[in-house]
C-alpha atoms as a PDB file:
ATOM      1  CA  UNK A   1      56.025 137.080 138.932  1.00  0.00           C
ATOM      2  CA  UNK A   2      54.982 137.155 135.291  1.00  0.00           C
ATOM      3  CA  UNK A   3      55.249 133.388 134.887  1.00  0.00           C
ATOM      4  CA  UNK A   4      52.852 132.773 137.771  1.00  0.00           C
ATOM      5  CA  UNK A   5      50.474 135.501 136.575  1.00  0.00           C
ATOM      6  CA  UNK A   6      50.387 133.938 133.102  1.00  0.00           C
ATOM      7  CA  UNK A   7      49.701 130.479 134.526  1.00  0.00           C
ATOM      8  CA  UNK A   8      46.787 131.881 136.537  1.00  0.00           C
ATOM      9  CA  UNK A   9      45.355 133.660 133.489  1.00  0.00           C
ATOM     10  CA  UNK A  10      45.662 130.586 131.289  1.00  0.00           C
ATOM     11  CA  UNK A  11      44.058 128.249 133.866  1.00  0.00           C
ATOM     12  CA  UNK A  12      40.901 130.340 134.181  1.00  0.00           C
ATOM     13  CA  UNK A  13      38.448 129.789 131.295  1.00  0.00           C
ATOM     14  CA  UNK A  14      37.315 133.423 131.604  1.00  0.00           C
ATOM     15  CA  UNK A  15      40.841 134.719 130.890  1.00  0.00           C
ATOM     16  CA  UNK A  16      42.529 131.865 129.055  1.00  0.00           C
ATOM     17  CA  UNK A  17      42.106 133.574 125.670  1.00  0.00           C
ATOM     18  CA  UNK A  18      44.091 136.660 126.717  1.00  0.00           C
ATOM     19  CA  UNK A  19      47.234 136.942 124.611  1.00  0.00           C
ATOM     20  CA  UNK A  20      50.389 137.328 126.688  1.00  0.00           C
ATOM     21  CA  UNK A  21      53.741 138.520 125.405  1.00  0.00           C
ATOM     22  CA  UNK A  22      56.504 138.065 127.955  1.00  0.00           C
ATOM     23  CA  UNK A  23      58.926 140.966 128.277  1.00  0.00           C
ATOM     24  CA  UNK A  24      62.202 140.389 130.067  1.00  0.00           C
ATOM     25  CA  UNK A  25      65.705 141.752 130.373  1.00  0.00           C
ATOM     26  CA  UNK A  26      66.897 138.139 130.297  1.00  0.00           C
ATOM     27  CA  UNK A  27      67.717 137.161 126.727  1.00  0.00           C
ATOM     28  CA  UNK A  28      68.370 133.514 127.503  1.00  0.00           C
ATOM     29  CA  UNK A  29      66.677 130.615 125.792  1.00  0.00           C
ATOM     30  CA  UNK A  30      65.697 129.234 129.220  1.00  0.00           C
ATOM     31  CA  UNK A  31      63.562 132.289 130.032  1.00  0.00           C
ATOM     32  CA  UNK A  32      61.957 132.244 126.603  1.00  0.00           C
ATOM     33  CA  UNK A  33      61.230 128.505 126.884  1.00  0.00           C
ATOM     34  CA  UNK A  34      59.732 128.926 130.352  1.00  0.00           C
ATOM     35  CA  UNK A  35      57.542 131.814 129.155  1.00  0.00           C
ATOM     36  CA  UNK A  36      56.219 129.712 126.297  1.00  0.00           C
ATOM     37  CA  UNK A  37      55.669 126.715 128.601  1.00  0.00           C
ATOM     38  CA  UNK A  38      53.464 128.715 130.988  1.00  0.00           C
ATOM     39  CA  UNK A  39      51.345 129.962 128.100  1.00  0.00           C
ATOM     40  CA  UNK A  40      52.902 133.139 126.737  1.00  0.00           C
ATOM     41  CA  UNK A  41      52.332 133.431 123.008  1.00  0.00           C
ATOM     42  CA  UNK A  42      55.339 135.674 122.466  1.00  0.00           C
ATOM     43  CA  UNK A  43      58.603 136.743 124.049  1.00  0.00           C
ATOM     44  CA  UNK A  44      60.484 140.001 123.676  1.00  0.00           C
ATOM     45  CA  UNK A  45      63.603 141.227 125.422  1.00  0.00           C
ATOM     46  CA  UNK A  46      64.503 144.617 126.810  1.00  0.00           C
ATOM     47  CA  UNK A  47      65.393 147.142 125.673  1.00  0.00           C
ATOM     48  CA  UNK A  48      62.219 146.969 123.638  1.00  0.00           C
ATOM     49  CA  UNK A  49      62.680 147.619 119.964  1.00  0.00           C
ATOM     50  CA  UNK A  50      59.399 149.150 118.747  1.00  0.00           C
ATOM     51  CA  UNK A  51      59.523 147.380 115.370  1.00  0.00           C
ATOM     52  CA  UNK A  52      59.996 143.976 117.010  1.00  0.00           C
ATOM     53  CA  UNK A  53      57.097 144.623 119.372  1.00  0.00           C
ATOM     54  CA  UNK A  54      54.828 145.700 116.511  1.00  0.00           C
ATOM     55  CA  UNK A  55      55.881 142.610 114.532  1.00  0.00           C
ATOM     56  CA  UNK A  56      55.043 140.314 117.474  1.00  0.00           C
ATOM     57  CA  UNK A  57      51.661 141.940 118.093  1.00  0.00           C
ATOM     58  CA  UNK A  58      50.802 141.849 114.386  1.00  0.00           C
ATOM     59  CA  UNK A  59      51.759 138.174 114.138  1.00  0.00           C
ATOM     60  CA  UNK A  60      49.722 137.276 117.203  1.00  0.00           C
ATOM     61  CA  UNK A  61      46.667 139.189 115.971  1.00  0.00           C
ATOM     62  CA  UNK A  62      46.856 137.412 112.611  1.00  0.00           C
ATOM     63  CA  UNK A  63      47.275 134.031 114.313  1.00  0.00           C
ATOM     64  CA  UNK A  64      44.279 134.743 116.522  1.00  0.00           C
ATOM     65  CA  UNK A  65      42.123 135.698 113.539  1.00  0.00           C
ATOM     66  CA  UNK A  66      43.180 132.565 111.662  1.00  0.00           C
ATOM     67  CA  UNK A  67      42.394 130.323 114.655  1.00  0.00           C
ATOM     68  CA  UNK A  68      39.016 131.993 115.085  1.00  0.00           C
ATOM     69  CA  UNK A  69      38.146 131.518 111.414  1.00  0.00           C
ATOM     70  CA  UNK A  70      39.207 127.855 111.484  1.00  0.00           C
ATOM     71  CA  UNK A  71      37.099 127.321 114.593  1.00  0.00           C
ATOM     72  CA  UNK A  72      34.079 128.961 112.920  1.00  0.00           C
ATOM     73  CA  UNK A  73      34.457 126.776 109.824  1.00  0.00           C
ATOM     74  CA  UNK A  74      34.835 123.654 111.948  1.00  0.00           C
ATOM     75  CA  UNK A  75      31.728 124.497 113.995  1.00  0.00           C
ATOM     76  CA  UNK A  76      29.665 125.194 110.879  1.00  0.00           C
ATOM     77  CA  UNK A  77      30.658 121.825 109.392  1.00  0.00           C
ATOM     78  CA  UNK A  78      29.629 119.981 112.566  1.00  0.00           C
ATOM     79  CA  UNK A  79      26.213 121.657 112.756  1.00  0.00           C
END
């Protein structure tokens, strides 16, 4: 299932940076919590609302860019 697939991706250093957004017909807090616990960075329910999906992807891209920049600054200060 998607939870197991995400856990496998996140355990492997070669794929751990892949951003995963869980998509489920289950709109319960338990499913969302489980998705986040296994490493999903986002959670969206079906039926997919295009604006919500775009918002999630945009937010995750911005977060990724911010983390990368912080990491670069940190590395340059150590060196």
